[in-house]
Amino acid sequence: MKRLLFSLLLLISTSANLFAGERDWHLGLSPMLLANPDTRSLRYGTTISLEKELSGRKFMEFNILATANEKTKDLVQDSELLAMAYYKPVLTLGKNSYSLFRLGGTLGFGSKGLLFGVGAGFEYDIILRNRMKIFISQDNILVFRGDDRFSSAISIGLKLPL
């Protein structure tokens, strides 16, 4: 299954003739690995994001993150669904790449009901010729009402222009 998904993403990225101009929306898809340093537990997640470039090399991004712990008895009850909004100014700018600082808020649902918190992190984007982006991001998520209050996450994904 993983090989099929990777082959499909590779085929789309090489054969798609997608072009986006500046200030267009991008749809991002990425798997995420979350680690809690206090309990030393790992969770897996998936993010779907919408990103828009603002003026002056600043971005805004809206994410939906679904996480689950595979070692629990009830997967549905122990999973979390978080909606995140990020403001992302550019830190460094290269020819076909740039790095961003991410700062935003979190709101969602989990085993304890309504969850809210803050998130901060870094992101590195590589822009391909057809304006698709390959990115790697590191997030630190602090949730005030959750089982895992602090999580450090890493994700690698692809952003498609809309």
C-alpha atoms as a PDB file:
ATOM      1  CA  MET A   1       0.000   0.000   0.000  1.00  0.00           C
ATOM      2  CA  LYS A   2       2.804   2.405   0.877  1.00  0.00           C
ATOM      3  CA  ARG A   3       4.609   1.566  -2.361  1.00  0.00           C
ATOM      4  CA  LEU A   4       1.439   2.168  -4.379  1.00  0.00           C
ATOM      5  CA  LEU A   5       0.831   5.544  -2.689  1.00  0.00           C
ATOM      6  CA  PHE A   6       4.451   6.604  -3.227  1.00  0.00           C
ATOM      7  CA  SER A   7       4.289   5.542  -6.903  1.00  0.00           C
ATOM      8  CA  LEU A   8       1.066   7.482  -7.386  1.00  0.00           C
ATOM      9  CA  LEU A   9       2.525  10.656  -5.833  1.00  0.00           C
ATOM     10  CA  LEU A  10       5.669  10.294  -7.949  1.00  0.00           C
ATOM     11  CA  LEU A  11       3.610   9.832 -11.116  1.00  0.00           C
ATOM     12  CA  ILE A  12       1.474  12.893 -10.349  1.00  0.00           C
ATOM     13  CA  SER A  13       4.477  15.065  -9.562  1.00  0.00           C
ATOM     14  CA  THR A  14       6.323  14.194 -12.778  1.00  0.00           C
ATOM     15  CA  SER A  15       3.474  14.068 -15.271  1.00  0.00           C
ATOM     16  CA  ALA A  16       1.106  16.750 -14.024  1.00  0.00           C
ATOM     17  CA  ASN A  17       1.286  20.005 -15.889  1.00  0.00           C
ATOM     18  CA  LEU A  18       0.177  22.165 -12.972  1.00  0.00           C
ATOM     19  CA  PHE A  19       1.210  25.791 -12.909  1.00  0.00           C
ATOM     20  CA  ALA A  20       0.423  28.271 -10.175  1.00  0.00           C
ATOM     21  CA  GLY A  21       1.270  31.900  -9.980  1.00  0.00           C
ATOM     22  CA  GLU A  22       2.131  33.860  -6.913  1.00  0.00           C
ATOM     23  CA  ARG A  23      -0.569  34.222  -4.288  1.00  0.00           C
ATOM     24  CA  ASP A  24      -2.360  31.054  -5.386  1.00  0.00           C
ATOM     25  CA  TRP A  25      -3.695  28.373  -3.088  1.00  0.00           C
ATOM     26  CA  HIS A  26      -1.833  25.083  -2.546  1.00  0.00           C
ATOM     27  CA  LEU A  27      -3.309  21.833  -1.245  1.00  0.00           C
ATOM     28  CA  GLY A  28      -0.900  19.887   0.963  1.00  0.00           C
ATOM     29  CA  LEU A  29      -0.913  16.228   1.973  1.00  0.00           C
ATOM     30  CA  SER A  30       1.528  14.679   4.419  1.00  0.00           C
ATOM     31  CA  PRO A  31       1.928  11.909   6.965  1.00  0.00           C
ATOM     32  CA  MET A  32       3.107  13.017  10.404  1.00  0.00           C
ATOM     33  CA  LEU A  33       4.985  11.335  13.249  1.00  0.00           C
ATOM     34  CA  LEU A  34       4.307  12.846  16.687  1.00  0.00           C
ATOM     35  CA  ALA A  35       6.466  12.143  19.740  1.00  0.00           C
ATOM     36  CA  ASN A  36       5.682  13.030  23.345  1.00  0.00           C
ATOM     37  CA  PRO A  37       8.948  13.523  25.290  1.00  0.00           C
ATOM     38  CA  ASP A  38       7.257  13.102  28.704  1.00  0.00           C
ATOM     39  CA  THR A  39       5.655   9.703  28.148  1.00  0.00           C
ATOM     40  CA  ARG A  40       8.036   8.663  25.332  1.00  0.00           C
ATOM     41  CA  SER A  41       5.140   7.569  23.181  1.00  0.00           C
ATOM     42  CA  LEU A  42       4.674   7.838  19.428  1.00  0.00           C
ATOM     43  CA  ARG A  43       1.505   8.711  17.547  1.00  0.00           C
ATOM     44  CA  TYR A  44       0.853   8.732  13.844  1.00  0.00           C
ATOM     45  CA  GLY A  45      -1.121  11.360  12.018  1.00  0.00           C
ATOM     46  CA  THR A  46      -2.124  12.726   8.655  1.00  0.00           C
ATOM     47  CA  THR A  47      -2.490  16.367   7.683  1.00  0.00           C
ATOM     48  CA  ILE A  48      -4.446  18.021   4.909  1.00  0.00           C
ATOM     49  CA  SER A  49      -3.641  21.697   4.465  1.00  0.00           C
ATOM     50  CA  LEU A  50      -4.567  24.753   2.419  1.00  0.00           C
ATOM     51  CA  GLU A  51      -1.844  27.374   1.998  1.00  0.00           C
ATOM     52  CA  LYS A  52      -2.023  30.871   0.495  1.00  0.00           C
ATOM     53  CA  GLU A  53       0.852  33.259  -0.115  1.00  0.00           C
ATOM     54  CA  LEU A  54       0.226  36.754   1.205  1.00  0.00           C
ATOM     55  CA  SER A  55       2.079  39.859   0.092  1.00  0.00           C
ATOM     56  CA  GLY A  56       5.636  40.372   1.282  1.00  0.00           C
ATOM     57  CA  ARG A  57       6.702  36.691   1.393  1.00  0.00           C
ATOM     58  CA  LYS A  58       4.316  35.724   4.155  1.00  0.00           C
ATOM     59  CA  PHE A  59       1.990  32.739   4.098  1.00  0.00           C
ATOM     60  CA  MET A  60      -1.133  31.597   5.909  1.00  0.00           C
ATOM     61  CA  GLU A  61      -2.020  27.950   6.249  1.00  0.00           C
ATOM     62  CA  PHE A  62      -5.002  26.007   7.546  1.00  0.00           C
ATOM     63  CA  ASN A  63      -4.419  22.370   8.580  1.00  0.00           C
ATOM     64  CA  ILE A  64      -6.594  19.482   9.656  1.00  0.00           C
ATOM     65  CA  LEU A  65      -4.604  16.936  11.662  1.00  0.00           C
ATOM     66  CA  ALA A  66      -5.982  13.509  12.536  1.00  0.00           C
ATOM     67  CA  THR A  67      -3.835  11.502  14.980  1.00  0.00           C
ATOM     68  CA  ALA A  68      -4.093   8.030  16.460  1.00  0.00           C
ATOM     69  CA  ASN A  69      -2.092   5.824  18.791  1.00  0.00           C
ATOM     70  CA  GLU A  70      -1.889   2.310  17.371  1.00  0.00           C
ATOM     71  CA  LYS A  71      -1.230   0.636  20.753  1.00  0.00           C
ATOM     72  CA  THR A  72      -4.602   1.501  22.285  1.00  0.00           C
ATOM     73  CA  LYS A  73      -7.629  -0.730  22.658  1.00  0.00           C
ATOM     74  CA  ASP A  74     -10.141   1.651  21.120  1.00  0.00           C
ATOM     75  CA  LEU A  75      -8.617   3.467  18.149  1.00  0.00           C
ATOM     76  CA  VAL A  76     -11.597   5.768  17.563  1.00  0.00           C
ATOM     77  CA  GLN A  77     -11.909   6.887  21.197  1.00  0.00           C
ATOM     78  CA  ASP A  78      -8.182   7.631  21.607  1.00  0.00           C
ATOM     79  CA  SER A  79      -7.790   9.535  18.335  1.00  0.00           C
ATOM     80  CA  GLU A  80      -7.708  13.332  18.038  1.00  0.00           C
ATOM     81  CA  LEU A  81      -8.870  15.691  15.313  1.00  0.00           C
ATOM     82  CA  LEU A  82      -7.270  19.152  15.349  1.00  0.00           C
ATOM     83  CA  ALA A  83      -7.827  22.206  13.153  1.00  0.00           C
ATOM     84  CA  MET A  84      -4.789  24.484  13.054  1.00  0.00           C
ATOM     85  CA  ALA A  85      -4.238  27.933  11.571  1.00  0.00           C
ATOM     86  CA  TYR A  86      -0.661  29.141  10.998  1.00  0.00           C
ATOM     87  CA  TYR A  87       0.933  32.451  10.137  1.00  0.00           C
ATOM     88  CA  LYS A  88       4.240  31.749   8.346  1.00  0.00           C
ATOM     89  CA  PRO A  89       6.818  34.460   7.601  1.00  0.00           C
ATOM     90  CA  VAL A  90       9.813  33.541   5.421  1.00  0.00           C
ATOM     91  CA  LEU A  91      13.124  33.180   7.276  1.00  0.00           C
ATOM     92  CA  THR A  92      15.505  32.435   4.391  1.00  0.00           C
ATOM     93  CA  LEU A  93      14.928  32.686   0.671  1.00  0.00           C
ATOM     94  CA  GLY A  94      16.851  30.671  -1.925  1.00  0.00           C
ATOM     95  CA  LYS A  95      16.575  30.241  -5.672  1.00  0.00           C
ATOM     96  CA  ASN A  96      14.038  27.394  -5.563  1.00  0.00           C
ATOM     97  CA  SER A  97      13.555  26.977  -1.833  1.00  0.00           C
ATOM     98  CA  TYR A  98      12.735  28.861   1.322  1.00  0.00           C
ATOM     99  CA  SER A  99      12.371  28.235   5.042  1.00  0.00           C
ATOM    100  CA  LEU A 100       9.487  29.436   7.166  1.00  0.00           C
ATOM    101  CA  PHE A 101       8.654  29.955  10.829  1.00  0.00           C
ATOM    102  CA  ARG A 102       5.192  28.649  11.774  1.00  0.00           C
ATOM    103  CA  LEU A 103       3.078  30.115  14.597  1.00  0.00           C
ATOM    104  CA  GLY A 104      -0.603  29.537  15.201  1.00  0.00           C
ATOM    105  CA  GLY A 105      -3.513  28.239  17.216  1.00  0.00           C
ATOM    106  CA  THR A 106      -5.149  24.832  17.551  1.00  0.00           C
ATOM    107  CA  LEU A 107      -8.764  23.806  18.133  1.00  0.00           C
ATOM    108  CA  GLY A 108     -10.187  20.297  18.000  1.00  0.00           C
ATOM    109  CA  PHE A 109     -11.757  17.248  19.585  1.00  0.00           C
ATOM    110  CA  GLY A 110     -10.252  14.304  21.448  1.00  0.00           C
ATOM    111  CA  SER A 111     -10.966  11.794  24.206  1.00  0.00           C
ATOM    112  CA  LYS A 112     -11.390  14.610  26.763  1.00  0.00           C
ATOM    113  CA  GLY A 113     -13.772  16.655  24.615  1.00  0.00           C
ATOM    114  CA  LEU A 114     -12.858  20.071  23.267  1.00  0.00           C
ATOM    115  CA  LEU A 115      -9.116  20.679  22.833  1.00  0.00           C
ATOM    116  CA  PHE A 116      -7.329  23.981  22.313  1.00  0.00           C
ATOM    117  CA  GLY A 117      -3.712  25.037  22.213  1.00  0.00           C
ATOM    118  CA  VAL A 118      -0.862  26.656  20.308  1.00  0.00           C
ATOM    119  CA  GLY A 119       1.648  25.445  17.754  1.00  0.00           C
ATOM    120  CA  ALA A 120       5.043  26.641  16.562  1.00  0.00           C
ATOM    121  CA  GLY A 121       7.678  25.182  14.286  1.00  0.00           C
ATOM    122  CA  PHE A 122       9.773  25.417  11.159  1.00  0.00           C
ATOM    123  CA  GLU A 123       9.184  24.415   7.547  1.00  0.00           C
ATOM    124  CA  TYR A 124      11.480  24.030   4.536  1.00  0.00           C
ATOM    125  CA  ASP A 125       9.914  24.098   1.050  1.00  0.00           C
ATOM    126  CA  ILE A 126      11.443  23.147  -2.292  1.00  0.00           C
ATOM    127  CA  ILE A 127       9.591  24.501  -5.324  1.00  0.00           C
ATOM    128  CA  LEU A 128       9.554  22.317  -8.437  1.00  0.00           C
ATOM    129  CA  ARG A 129       9.292  23.593 -12.024  1.00  0.00           C
ATOM    130  CA  ASN A 130       5.541  23.038 -12.187  1.00  0.00           C
ATOM    131  CA  ARG A 131       5.099  25.064  -8.925  1.00  0.00           C
ATOM    132  CA  MET A 132       4.472  21.977  -6.829  1.00  0.00           C
ATOM    133  CA  LYS A 133       6.218  22.055  -3.461  1.00  0.00           C
ATOM    134  CA  ILE A 134       7.970  19.310  -1.520  1.00  0.00           C
ATOM    135  CA  PHE A 135       8.212  20.225   2.136  1.00  0.00           C
ATOM    136  CA  ILE A 136       9.547  19.011   5.453  1.00  0.00           C
ATOM    137  CA  SER A 137       8.191  20.552   8.615  1.00  0.00           C
ATOM    138  CA  GLN A 138       8.829  20.321  12.323  1.00  0.00           C
ATOM    139  CA  ASP A 139       6.001  21.288  14.679  1.00  0.00           C
ATOM    140  CA  ASN A 140       5.730  21.711  18.429  1.00  0.00           C
ATOM    141  CA  ILE A 141       2.112  21.419  19.508  1.00  0.00           C
ATOM    142  CA  LEU A 142       0.964  22.342  23.022  1.00  0.00           C
ATOM    143  CA  VAL A 143      -2.598  21.226  23.780  1.00  0.00           C
ATOM    144  CA  PHE A 144      -4.052  22.473  27.057  1.00  0.00           C
ATOM    145  CA  ARG A 145      -6.787  19.843  27.489  1.00  0.00           C
ATOM    146  CA  GLY A 146      -5.499  16.592  26.046  1.00  0.00           C
ATOM    147  CA  ASP A 147      -3.912  13.280  26.917  1.00  0.00           C
ATOM    148  CA  ASP A 148      -0.653  14.357  25.286  1.00  0.00           C
ATOM    149  CA  ARG A 149      -0.153  17.972  26.329  1.00  0.00           C
ATOM    150  CA  PHE A 150       3.040  18.496  24.355  1.00  0.00           C
ATOM    151  CA  SER A 151       3.986  16.816  21.110  1.00  0.00           C
ATOM    152  CA  SER A 152       6.899  17.351  18.792  1.00  0.00           C
ATOM    153  CA  ALA A 153       6.123  16.316  15.225  1.00  0.00           C
ATOM    154  CA  ILE A 154       7.881  15.901  11.909  1.00  0.00           C
ATOM    155  CA  SER A 155       6.221  15.560   8.519  1.00  0.00           C
ATOM    156  CA  ILE A 156       7.254  15.296   4.881  1.00  0.00           C
ATOM    157  CA  GLY A 157       4.743  16.012   2.170  1.00  0.00           C
ATOM    158  CA  LEU A 158       3.678  17.458  -1.144  1.00  0.00           C
ATOM    159  CA  LYS A 159       1.749  20.664  -1.925  1.00  0.00           C
ATOM    160  CA  LEU A 160      -0.218  20.817  -5.169  1.00  0.00           C
ATOM    161  CA  PRO A 161      -1.279  24.159  -6.719  1.00  0.00           C
ATOM    162  CA  LEU A 162      -5.014  24.688  -7.094  1.00  0.00           C
END
